[in-house]
């Protein structure tokens, strides 16, 4: 039996809620017409039917949210299961090969490197899930200190180049995009580095080989700093620009089906930015036309 899609479920609950609310409204109107001369029954009837309509509307909103939350959880479980199972299967395969066959030293070193990469991928997935849980806690403590923007971005650039073996010209500052060394923000350096590295990670994964990624920093006013990361990747449809920041959300298309990930990257970017009193958003002219992700942070005035 074919499973019911999320859109169909939401449409069903919304339609049912509208029908029940409409029926309650009709009954309320009929009650008013029949009892318009009797004040007490009229007032009690209006209040009673008002509660019914409000309850139906609230219940419909709750059901729709639950459907969306369950869909997000399913997407998360599928993504995380794949992210955990794939490297574990790979590591096991290489270990079985080393155990059962004689391989030369060159192959042995190659196998070790692949297993180390898969182990790093496993650690990244686990750390991403734990970090998302920690950041979203209401009582999570935020350690603040002055963080130099240029130094932070340079560190993230070096990390991305090293991880993906990128040439310097594929991931670099835009012309006149590098800020002065005095520009800083107040925040947790580790969290801000995580946000930047997630943006770079997405930019590389969703861009052609080799990518063309440019970073710029602008100060739109005396109180804010904007870090903009522009890529030449597959782009994002306008209807998806807000959804890509939702937890566990991954846009499904032929262009993204082969990209590895758990759907937590951009969620963490926005969560971290908002924890620091800023925000994050994406801009794109459409599929195949690249994406610009902007992290906005309060400027350090000290």
Foldseek 3Di string as FASTA:
>chain_A
DDDDDLVRQLVVLVVVLVVQLVVLVVVLVVQCVVCVPPPPSNVVSNVVSVVVNVVSVVVSVVSNVVSVVVVLVVLLCVQLCCLQVVLVVLLVVLVVCVVPDDDDPVVVVVNVVSNVVSVVSNVVSVVLVVVVVQLPDPPRDWAKDKDFPQVLLVVLQVVLCVVVVDDDQQEEADVVFHDDRVWTAITHSVLQSLLNNLVSVVQCLQADVPKRKHWGWDDPDPWKIKIKIWIQGFWDPPVCFVVLLDAQDDDDDPSCPPGRDSSRSNVSNQSRLVVQVWGKTKDTPHTRGIIMIMRMHTIDPD
